[in-house]
Amino acid sequence: MNFNSPEFAVFFPVVLIAYGLVFHRERMRDVILLVASYFFYMSWNWMYAGLILLSTMVDYCVGRMLAIEQRNRVRKALLVFSLTANLGLLGVFKYFNFFVDTAVDLGGLLGLNLSFVHHELLLPVGISFYTFQTMSYTIDVYRRKIEYEPDLLKFAVFVSFFPQLVAGPILRATQFLPQLRRTPSVSSERFQSGLLLIFRGLAKKIVIADLLAGLGIDAVFAAPAEHSSLTLLLALYGYSFQIYNDFSGYSDIAIGAGRMMGFDFPMNFNRPYLATNVREFWTRWHITLSTWLRDYLYVPLGGNKGSKRTTSRNLMITMLLGGLWHGAAMNFLLWGAWHGLLLVLARGQSRTGVDSGLLRTIMARFVCFHLITFSWLLFRVRSVDAQLEYLRGLATLSGGTVLQPAYFAVLLLAFAAHFTPKAWLDGQLERLTKIPAPVQAAGYAALVLVFVGLSLGTQAFIYFQF
């Protein structure tokens, strides 16, 4: 069940009605949220709901034992058990075949003829997100940064809450469990702003991301040798905005849905292509993942407390594993390595470049945007040979393009929406909430019909595969 599907257009209002009917009964409210969340997840494959249940039970029990256990050796063993269970799930379903293929390739280089069995298990949707979420809870309880959650029902809702279950934002227990323990904050203003966020996210996904893909990106990336370097460059620009609008659109919908039910999720995107260097980019892009990697991987490795060489090593390890988090393929490792290298080179530079003058800031943003855009080639194209073919096509410097005017119109819209001052855009959206309710309702109904029509047969959100 995708956010941009007719099924979700029916599912979410039904959940809202049921939720509203029991809103003042805390236990029933939590039951409705849990049932809705499992139903939402099981709409892809009902069998994989067992994995969420397993992860939930493991970390609930470990958290409970960590709360009463005082012996450091035992507490560390409990933490290792939890991490092993969660990373083991990821390893089996997401990385097993990749590691097998890598071992076979390395064996071939050494003259060994290795052969291993592959499994045919489907990758559970969103497994990377909810395992990171539960691991952060256990680690924080182990560090004594938070108290364990004694209510299994509330903890299960925290792990599986459907708006952000499949592709984030990655919630932490400190952010969400306190909201479950009190009556959620619901008001007409929050309901309206949440609904507006949902429609903004749908517009990003359907009107920009999917149209860019359908009008040219998919065809160009499928056969780069058949296109001029100008077309290849325009397709790469387009993919930069496709993946941003696809992923940030999902986050907007998730945040908006949560807000309509009275919950606050952390911001996940903040116009990342305005960054002047890659360090700043990662404070604007997939913020909940970048802060997770910082707090639970980079800092435990030593962060920037050691020598420059040690700091560079920590950055590279963090970004390599961050790349691997996205997918079990060599291109994601290359993507992570590229960002790790850029972060190493960016150390010591100004975070924003604002003090360097307007022209230098514009130039810094221009350079950073193109460095990030190149990284999307590594992200989008799976094989190294295909990546080299794309680069050779870019190097021919051939002009002319087969892309249609509609593609340029959508690309221009994406560019304008991203670089127009945020205060002005927020002001225009705020004005929409002042329109009389019947007019708003008619407008939203019309948009639903448009979105459903445009989204029929289109692809799911890109980050569902991670």
Protein backbone atom coordinates (compact mmCIF):
# COMPACT_ATOMS: atom_id res chain seq x y z
CA MET A 1 0.00 0.00 0.00
CA ASN A 2 1.74 3.14 -1.23
CA PHE A 3 0.97 6.62 0.03
CA ASN A 4 0.12 7.56 -3.58
CA SER A 5 -2.32 4.68 -4.06
CA PRO A 6 -6.14 4.61 -4.05
CA GLU A 7 -5.93 2.04 -1.25
CA PHE A 8 -4.20 4.50 1.07
CA ALA A 9 -6.75 7.19 0.15
CA VAL A 10 -9.34 4.86 1.70
CA PHE A 11 -7.20 3.36 4.48
CA PHE A 12 -6.04 6.59 6.12
CA PRO A 13 -9.46 8.26 6.50
CA VAL A 14 -10.83 5.02 7.99
CA VAL A 15 -7.95 4.96 10.49
CA LEU A 16 -8.55 8.62 11.35
CA ILE A 17 -12.23 7.97 12.02
CA ALA A 18 -11.54 4.91 14.20
CA TYR A 19 -8.76 6.79 16.00
CA GLY A 20 -11.04 9.76 16.62
CA LEU A 21 -13.81 7.58 18.05
CA VAL A 22 -11.52 6.19 20.78
CA PHE A 23 -9.21 9.19 21.11
CA HIS A 24 -9.89 9.78 24.82
CA ARG A 25 -9.43 6.12 25.74
CA GLU A 26 -5.66 5.65 25.89
CA ARG A 27 -5.58 1.86 25.65
CA MET A 28 -7.96 1.68 22.70
CA ARG A 29 -6.09 4.50 21.00
CA ASP A 30 -2.88 2.50 21.14
CA VAL A 31 -4.66 -0.64 19.93
CA ILE A 32 -6.05 1.20 16.90
CA LEU A 33 -2.58 2.53 16.03
CA LEU A 34 -0.98 -0.90 16.37
CA VAL A 35 -3.65 -2.72 14.34
CA ALA A 36 -3.54 -0.06 11.62
CA SER A 37 0.27 -0.21 11.51
CA TYR A 38 0.41 -3.99 11.15
CA PHE A 39 -2.37 -3.97 8.57
CA PHE A 40 -0.47 -1.32 6.61
CA TYR A 41 2.74 -3.34 6.67
CA MET A 42 1.04 -6.65 5.93
CA SER A 43 -0.51 -5.18 2.78
CA TRP A 44 2.87 -5.87 1.10
CA ASN A 45 3.54 -9.32 2.51
CA TRP A 46 1.70 -10.56 5.59
CA MET A 47 4.44 -13.04 6.53
CA TYR A 48 7.03 -10.33 7.16
CA ALA A 49 4.97 -8.83 9.97
CA GLY A 50 6.58 -11.57 12.03
CA LEU A 51 9.96 -9.88 11.61
CA ILE A 52 8.70 -6.64 13.14
CA LEU A 53 7.12 -8.62 15.96
CA LEU A 54 10.39 -10.49 16.55
CA SER A 55 12.43 -7.27 16.59
CA THR A 56 9.87 -5.70 18.91
CA MET A 57 9.91 -8.57 21.41
CA VAL A 58 13.70 -8.88 21.44
CA ASP A 59 14.32 -5.22 22.16
CA TYR A 60 11.42 -4.89 24.58
CA CYS A 61 12.75 -7.80 26.66
CA VAL A 62 16.36 -6.62 26.42
CA GLY A 63 15.36 -3.10 27.45
CA ARG A 64 13.47 -4.48 30.44
CA MET A 65 16.44 -6.58 31.54
CA LEU A 66 18.87 -3.70 31.03
CA ALA A 67 16.76 -1.58 33.35
CA ILE A 68 17.14 -3.97 36.29
CA GLU A 69 20.61 -5.36 35.59
CA GLN A 70 23.52 -3.55 37.25
CA ARG A 71 26.47 -5.74 36.29
CA ASN A 72 28.28 -4.10 33.39
CA ARG A 73 29.42 -7.38 31.86
CA VAL A 74 25.87 -8.74 31.74
CA ARG A 75 24.48 -5.45 30.42
CA LYS A 76 27.04 -5.47 27.62
CA ALA A 77 26.12 -9.07 26.78
CA LEU A 78 22.46 -8.07 26.56
CA LEU A 79 23.31 -5.20 24.24
CA VAL A 80 25.41 -7.50 22.04
CA PHE A 81 22.52 -9.95 21.89
CA SER A 82 20.09 -7.23 20.78
CA LEU A 83 22.45 -5.83 18.15
CA THR A 84 23.24 -9.30 16.86
CA ALA A 85 19.55 -10.15 16.52
CA ASN A 86 18.72 -6.93 14.65
CA LEU A 87 21.81 -6.90 12.46
CA GLY A 88 21.32 -10.62 11.89
CA LEU A 89 17.89 -9.95 10.39
CA LEU A 90 19.43 -7.35 8.10
CA GLY A 91 22.28 -9.68 7.25
CA VAL A 92 20.07 -12.59 6.27
CA PHE A 93 17.47 -10.72 4.26
CA LYS A 94 19.48 -7.84 2.82
CA TYR A 95 23.19 -8.71 2.68
CA PHE A 96 23.57 -12.49 2.53
CA ASN A 97 23.59 -12.79 -1.26
CA PHE A 98 25.85 -9.75 -1.60
CA PHE A 99 28.44 -11.21 0.77
CA VAL A 100 28.23 -14.58 -1.01
CA ASP A 101 28.84 -12.95 -4.40
CA THR A 102 31.70 -10.88 -2.98
CA ALA A 103 33.34 -14.00 -1.54
CA VAL A 104 33.02 -15.79 -4.89
CA ASP A 105 34.57 -12.83 -6.73
CA LEU A 106 37.46 -12.59 -4.27
CA GLY A 107 38.00 -16.32 -4.53
CA GLY A 108 38.17 -16.01 -8.31
CA LEU A 109 40.91 -13.38 -8.00
CA LEU A 110 42.85 -15.83 -5.84
CA GLY A 111 42.31 -18.67 -8.28
CA LEU A 112 39.71 -20.42 -6.13
CA ASN A 113 36.52 -21.79 -7.61
CA LEU A 114 34.04 -21.07 -4.82
CA SER A 115 30.35 -21.82 -4.98
CA PHE A 116 27.71 -20.88 -2.41
CA VAL A 117 23.95 -21.13 -2.26
CA HIS A 118 21.83 -17.98 -2.72
CA HIS A 119 18.54 -17.54 -0.94
CA GLU A 120 15.39 -16.36 -2.73
CA LEU A 121 13.89 -14.44 0.18
CA LEU A 122 12.23 -11.15 -0.66
CA LEU A 123 13.66 -8.05 1.01
CA PRO A 124 11.11 -6.93 3.63
CA VAL A 125 9.95 -3.37 2.99
CA GLY A 126 11.46 -0.84 5.39
CA ILE A 127 13.59 -3.35 7.32
CA SER A 128 16.56 -0.97 7.47
CA PHE A 129 14.40 1.72 9.05
CA TYR A 130 12.69 -0.18 11.84
CA THR A 131 15.81 -2.15 12.82
CA PHE A 132 17.75 1.11 13.23
CA GLN A 133 14.84 2.45 15.27
CA THR A 134 14.78 -0.46 17.69
CA MET A 135 18.59 -0.58 17.96
CA SER A 136 18.72 3.09 18.97
CA TYR A 137 16.25 2.35 21.78
CA THR A 138 18.33 -0.51 23.17
CA ILE A 139 21.58 1.45 22.90
CA ASP A 140 20.07 4.46 24.69
CA VAL A 141 18.71 2.26 27.49
CA TYR A 142 22.13 0.62 27.78
CA ARG A 143 23.78 4.04 27.97
CA ARG A 144 21.20 5.04 30.60
CA LYS A 145 20.12 7.98 28.48
CA ILE A 146 16.47 6.91 28.64
CA GLU A 147 14.27 4.76 30.84
CA TYR A 148 12.99 1.50 29.42
CA GLU A 149 9.38 1.37 28.23
CA PRO A 150 7.37 -0.96 30.53
CA ASP A 151 4.25 -0.97 28.32
CA LEU A 152 4.67 -3.54 25.54
CA LEU A 153 1.74 -2.11 23.57
CA LYS A 154 3.25 1.38 23.46
CA PHE A 155 6.65 -0.02 22.56
CA ALA A 156 5.11 -2.04 19.72
CA VAL A 157 3.44 1.13 18.38
CA PHE A 158 6.78 2.95 18.55
CA VAL A 159 8.45 0.25 16.43
CA SER A 160 5.70 -0.14 13.85
CA PHE A 161 3.87 3.22 13.61
CA PHE A 162 2.68 3.15 10.02
CA PRO A 163 3.24 6.72 8.71
CA GLN A 164 7.03 6.46 9.03
CA LEU A 165 7.44 2.68 9.18
CA VAL A 166 8.58 2.05 5.61
CA ALA A 167 10.89 4.98 4.81
CA GLY A 168 11.28 7.19 7.84
CA PRO A 169 11.86 9.62 9.35
CA ILE A 170 13.78 7.34 11.72
CA LEU A 171 12.23 7.97 15.13
CA ARG A 172 14.04 7.65 18.42
CA ALA A 173 12.43 6.53 21.63
CA THR A 174 13.20 9.89 23.25
CA GLN A 175 11.18 11.60 20.52
CA PHE A 176 8.14 9.36 20.25
CA LEU A 177 7.51 7.32 23.41
CA PRO A 178 6.84 10.43 25.57
CA GLN A 179 4.19 11.46 23.04
CA LEU A 180 2.51 8.05 23.38
CA ARG A 181 2.46 8.37 27.16
CA ARG A 182 0.37 11.53 27.07
CA THR A 183 -2.74 12.51 25.18
CA PRO A 184 -1.62 13.53 21.66
CA SER A 185 -1.90 17.20 20.79
CA VAL A 186 -4.73 17.58 18.28
CA SER A 187 -6.22 20.84 17.02
CA SER A 188 -7.86 22.13 13.88
CA GLU A 189 -4.70 24.10 13.04
CA ARG A 190 -2.46 21.04 13.39
CA PHE A 191 -4.96 18.94 11.43
CA GLN A 192 -4.98 21.49 8.60
CA SER A 193 -1.21 21.87 8.52
CA GLY A 194 -0.79 18.09 8.53
CA LEU A 195 -3.21 17.71 5.65
CA LEU A 196 -1.35 20.41 3.74
CA LEU A 197 1.93 18.56 4.31
CA ILE A 198 0.39 15.36 2.95
CA PHE A 199 -0.73 17.07 -0.25
CA ARG A 200 2.62 18.83 -0.60
CA GLY A 201 4.33 15.45 -0.32
CA LEU A 202 1.98 13.92 -2.88
CA ALA A 203 2.69 16.81 -5.26
CA LYS A 204 6.44 16.28 -4.86
CA LYS A 205 6.10 12.58 -5.54
CA ILE A 206 3.50 12.50 -8.30
CA VAL A 207 3.82 15.84 -10.07
CA ILE A 208 7.61 16.15 -9.94
CA ALA A 209 9.41 12.87 -9.13
CA ASP A 210 7.23 10.46 -11.09
CA LEU A 211 6.76 12.79 -14.04
CA LEU A 212 10.50 13.39 -14.33
CA ALA A 213 11.06 9.63 -14.31
CA GLY A 214 8.35 8.93 -16.87
CA LEU A 215 9.15 11.83 -19.18
CA GLY A 216 12.79 10.95 -19.66
CA ILE A 217 14.95 9.79 -16.76
CA ASP A 218 14.08 6.09 -16.89
CA ALA A 219 14.50 5.88 -20.67
CA VAL A 220 17.85 7.72 -20.67
CA PHE A 221 19.35 5.67 -17.84
CA ALA A 222 18.14 2.46 -19.50
CA ALA A 223 20.14 3.16 -22.68
CA PRO A 224 22.75 5.90 -22.11
CA ALA A 225 24.72 4.98 -25.25
CA GLU A 226 21.77 6.09 -27.39
CA HIS A 227 21.74 9.66 -26.09
CA SER A 228 23.84 12.78 -26.39
CA SER A 229 25.93 14.12 -23.53
CA LEU A 230 23.47 16.99 -23.12
CA THR A 231 20.61 14.54 -22.68
CA LEU A 232 22.65 12.48 -20.22
CA LEU A 233 23.45 15.60 -18.20
CA LEU A 234 19.83 16.74 -18.17
CA ALA A 235 18.72 13.29 -17.06
CA LEU A 236 21.27 13.37 -14.24
CA TYR A 237 20.02 16.79 -13.14
CA GLY A 238 16.52 15.40 -13.31
CA TYR A 239 17.40 12.41 -11.15
CA SER A 240 18.86 14.74 -8.51
CA PHE A 241 15.45 16.36 -8.20
CA GLN A 242 13.55 13.10 -8.66
CA ILE A 243 15.16 11.37 -5.71
CA TYR A 244 14.89 14.48 -3.54
CA ASN A 245 11.20 15.03 -4.28
CA ASP A 246 10.45 11.31 -4.04
CA PHE A 247 12.07 10.88 -0.63
CA SER A 248 11.24 14.26 0.89
CA GLY A 249 7.71 13.81 -0.45
CA TYR A 250 7.39 10.58 1.53
CA SER A 251 8.74 12.35 4.63
CA ASP A 252 6.25 15.20 4.20
CA ILE A 253 3.36 12.72 3.98
CA ALA A 254 4.62 10.79 7.02
CA ILE A 255 5.09 13.95 9.09
CA GLY A 256 1.73 15.29 7.98
CA ALA A 257 -0.12 12.05 8.78
CA GLY A 258 1.51 11.92 12.20
CA ARG A 259 0.60 15.55 12.87
CA MET A 260 -3.04 14.95 11.97
CA MET A 261 -3.11 12.28 14.69
CA GLY A 262 -1.38 14.55 17.20
CA PHE A 263 2.25 13.42 16.89
CA ASP A 264 5.37 15.37 15.98
CA PHE A 265 8.11 13.81 13.85
CA PRO A 266 11.56 15.35 13.36
CA MET A 267 12.40 17.20 10.15
CA ASN A 268 14.07 14.94 7.62
CA PHE A 269 14.97 17.36 4.80
CA ASN A 270 15.90 21.01 4.65
CA ARG A 271 16.47 21.97 1.00
CA PRO A 272 19.78 20.06 0.72
CA TYR A 273 20.88 21.51 -2.63
CA LEU A 274 21.43 24.88 -0.94
CA ALA A 275 24.42 23.36 0.87
CA THR A 276 27.80 24.93 0.20
CA ASN A 277 29.75 21.77 1.06
CA VAL A 278 29.06 18.12 1.69
CA ARG A 279 29.24 18.50 5.47
CA GLU A 280 26.35 20.94 5.28
CA PHE A 281 24.55 18.71 2.78
CA TRP A 282 24.39 15.93 5.35
CA THR A 283 22.82 18.32 7.87
CA ARG A 284 20.04 18.89 5.31
CA TRP A 285 19.60 15.49 3.62
CA HIS A 286 17.93 12.50 5.36
CA ILE A 287 18.64 14.22 8.65
CA THR A 288 17.36 11.41 10.86
CA LEU A 289 19.74 8.93 9.22
CA SER A 290 22.76 11.24 9.23
CA THR A 291 22.28 12.05 12.93
CA TRP A 292 21.75 8.33 13.67
CA LEU A 293 25.03 7.46 11.95
CA ARG A 294 26.75 10.30 13.80
CA ASP A 295 25.48 9.34 17.28
CA TYR A 296 25.60 5.54 17.04
CA LEU A 297 28.54 4.94 14.69
CA TYR A 298 30.79 7.95 14.06
CA VAL A 299 31.02 9.14 17.69
CA PRO A 300 31.55 5.62 19.15
CA LEU A 301 34.36 5.13 16.61
CA GLY A 302 36.04 8.19 18.11
CA GLY A 303 34.52 10.96 15.98
CA ASN A 304 36.89 13.84 15.51
CA LYS A 305 38.60 13.48 18.88
CA GLY A 306 41.76 11.91 17.51
CA SER A 307 44.26 12.86 14.82
CA LYS A 308 43.27 14.01 11.35
CA ARG A 309 44.08 10.56 10.05
CA THR A 310 41.87 8.91 12.66
CA THR A 311 39.03 11.34 11.97
CA SER A 312 39.30 10.66 8.24
CA ARG A 313 39.18 6.93 8.91
CA ASN A 314 36.07 7.35 11.06
CA LEU A 315 34.37 9.40 8.36
CA MET A 316 35.15 6.84 5.68
CA ILE A 317 33.94 3.91 7.79
CA THR A 318 30.74 5.75 8.66
CA MET A 319 29.94 6.67 5.06
CA LEU A 320 30.89 3.26 3.66
CA LEU A 321 28.49 1.62 6.12
CA GLY A 322 25.96 4.37 5.39
CA GLY A 323 26.22 3.51 1.72
CA LEU A 324 25.84 -0.19 2.47
CA TRP A 325 22.75 0.61 4.59
CA HIS A 326 21.07 1.81 1.40
CA GLY A 327 21.59 -1.43 -0.46
CA ALA A 328 23.63 -4.60 -0.78
CA ALA A 329 25.47 -3.68 -3.96
CA MET A 330 28.87 -2.35 -4.97
CA ASN A 331 27.44 0.91 -6.33
CA PHE A 332 26.16 1.86 -2.86
CA LEU A 333 29.62 1.23 -1.41
CA LEU A 334 31.08 3.48 -4.12
CA TRP A 335 28.44 6.10 -3.35
CA GLY A 336 29.35 5.95 0.34
CA ALA A 337 33.07 6.10 -0.44
CA TRP A 338 32.55 9.18 -2.62
CA HIS A 339 30.70 10.98 0.16
CA GLY A 340 33.28 9.87 2.69
CA LEU A 341 36.06 11.31 0.52
CA LEU A 342 34.16 14.59 0.09
CA LEU A 343 33.60 14.82 3.85
CA VAL A 344 37.29 14.27 4.51
CA LEU A 345 38.19 16.99 2.01
CA ALA A 346 35.52 19.33 3.42
CA ARG A 347 36.91 19.25 6.95
CA GLY A 348 38.25 22.62 7.99
CA GLN A 349 36.06 24.50 5.54
CA SER A 350 33.32 26.89 6.59
CA ARG A 351 30.01 25.12 7.19
CA THR A 352 27.89 27.62 5.31
CA GLY A 353 30.15 29.91 3.36
CA VAL A 354 27.88 32.86 4.22
CA ASP A 355 30.82 34.94 5.50
CA SER A 356 32.66 34.53 2.21
CA GLY A 357 30.36 36.82 0.25
CA LEU A 358 27.36 36.21 -1.98
CA LEU A 359 29.31 35.32 -5.12
CA ARG A 360 31.52 32.82 -3.32
CA THR A 361 28.45 31.30 -1.65
CA ILE A 362 26.72 30.88 -5.01
CA MET A 363 29.84 29.30 -6.48
CA ALA A 364 30.20 26.99 -3.47
CA ARG A 365 26.58 25.88 -3.86
CA PHE A 366 27.11 25.34 -7.59
CA VAL A 367 30.17 23.15 -7.00
CA CYS A 368 28.55 21.22 -4.14
CA PHE A 369 25.40 20.58 -6.16
CA HIS A 370 27.43 19.08 -9.01
CA LEU A 371 29.49 16.93 -6.65
CA ILE A 372 26.25 15.58 -5.18
CA THR A 373 24.72 15.17 -8.64
CA PHE A 374 27.68 13.04 -9.70
CA SER A 375 27.13 10.89 -6.61
CA TRP A 376 23.58 10.17 -7.77
CA LEU A 377 25.05 8.52 -10.87
CA LEU A 378 26.82 6.06 -8.55
CA PHE A 379 23.58 5.64 -6.60
CA ARG A 380 21.26 5.16 -9.58
CA VAL A 381 23.39 2.97 -11.87
CA ARG A 382 24.13 -0.43 -10.36
CA SER A 383 27.11 -1.76 -12.34
CA VAL A 384 30.52 -0.13 -12.68
CA ASP A 385 30.54 -0.85 -16.42
CA ALA A 386 27.25 1.00 -16.85
CA GLN A 387 28.56 3.91 -14.78
CA LEU A 388 31.64 4.15 -17.03
CA GLU A 389 29.42 3.98 -20.11
CA TYR A 390 27.39 6.91 -18.78
CA LEU A 391 30.56 8.90 -18.04
CA ARG A 392 31.93 8.21 -21.52
CA GLY A 393 28.68 9.51 -22.95
CA LEU A 394 28.98 12.69 -20.90
CA ALA A 395 32.57 13.15 -22.10
CA THR A 396 31.58 13.21 -25.78
CA LEU A 397 30.23 16.76 -25.30
CA SER A 398 27.58 16.12 -27.93
CA GLY A 399 24.59 18.45 -28.12
CA GLY A 400 20.96 18.04 -28.99
CA THR A 401 18.32 16.27 -26.94
CA VAL A 402 15.25 14.12 -27.46
CA LEU A 403 13.72 15.26 -24.17
CA GLN A 404 10.33 16.86 -24.63
CA PRO A 405 9.23 20.35 -23.43
CA ALA A 406 7.14 18.75 -20.67
CA TYR A 407 10.33 17.35 -19.12
CA PHE A 408 11.93 20.79 -19.05
CA ALA A 409 8.76 22.29 -17.56
CA VAL A 410 8.73 19.79 -14.68
CA LEU A 411 12.49 20.19 -14.14
CA LEU A 412 12.09 23.97 -14.01
CA LEU A 413 9.24 23.56 -11.51
CA ALA A 414 11.42 21.33 -9.33
CA PHE A 415 14.29 23.82 -9.51
CA ALA A 416 12.05 26.77 -8.65
CA ALA A 417 10.36 24.97 -5.75
CA HIS A 418 13.73 24.07 -4.26
CA PHE A 419 15.51 27.41 -4.62
CA THR A 420 12.65 29.86 -4.03
CA PRO A 421 13.01 31.44 -0.56
CA LYS A 422 11.43 29.15 2.03
CA ALA A 423 9.72 31.98 3.91
CA TRP A 424 7.84 33.03 0.78
CA LEU A 425 6.74 29.47 -0.01
CA ASP A 426 5.61 28.86 3.58
CA GLY A 427 3.65 32.09 3.43
CA GLN A 428 1.81 30.97 0.32
CA LEU A 429 1.00 27.62 1.90
CA GLU A 430 -0.20 29.37 5.05
CA ARG A 431 -2.63 31.40 2.96
CA LEU A 432 -4.20 28.20 1.69
CA THR A 433 -5.25 27.33 5.25
CA LYS A 434 -7.22 30.60 5.44
CA ILE A 435 -9.46 29.67 2.54
CA PRO A 436 -13.04 28.81 3.60
CA ALA A 437 -13.40 25.15 4.58
CA PRO A 438 -15.84 24.17 1.78
CA VAL A 439 -13.46 25.59 -0.83
CA GLN A 440 -10.54 23.76 0.76
CA ALA A 441 -12.47 20.50 0.78
CA ALA A 442 -13.41 20.87 -2.87
CA GLY A 443 -9.80 21.65 -3.76
CA TYR A 444 -8.44 18.67 -1.86
CA ALA A 445 -11.02 16.37 -3.44
CA ALA A 446 -10.03 17.57 -6.90
CA LEU A 447 -6.36 17.05 -6.08
CA VAL A 448 -7.06 13.51 -4.88
CA LEU A 449 -8.63 12.69 -8.23
CA VAL A 450 -5.70 14.25 -10.11
CA PHE A 451 -3.10 12.47 -7.98
CA VAL A 452 -4.81 9.10 -8.23
CA GLY A 453 -5.08 9.49 -12.00
CA LEU A 454 -1.43 10.48 -12.40
CA SER A 455 -0.14 7.83 -10.02
CA LEU A 456 -1.84 4.81 -11.60
CA GLY A 457 0.86 2.45 -12.82
CA THR A 458 3.74 4.53 -11.47
CA GLN A 459 6.58 3.22 -9.37
CA ALA A 460 6.68 3.05 -5.58
CA PHE A 461 8.75 5.42 -3.50
CA ILE A 462 12.45 4.93 -4.22
CA TYR A 463 13.41 4.38 -0.58
CA PHE A 464 10.94 1.52 -0.14
CA GLN A 465 13.72 -0.78 -1.41
CA PHE A 466 15.97 0.13 1.49
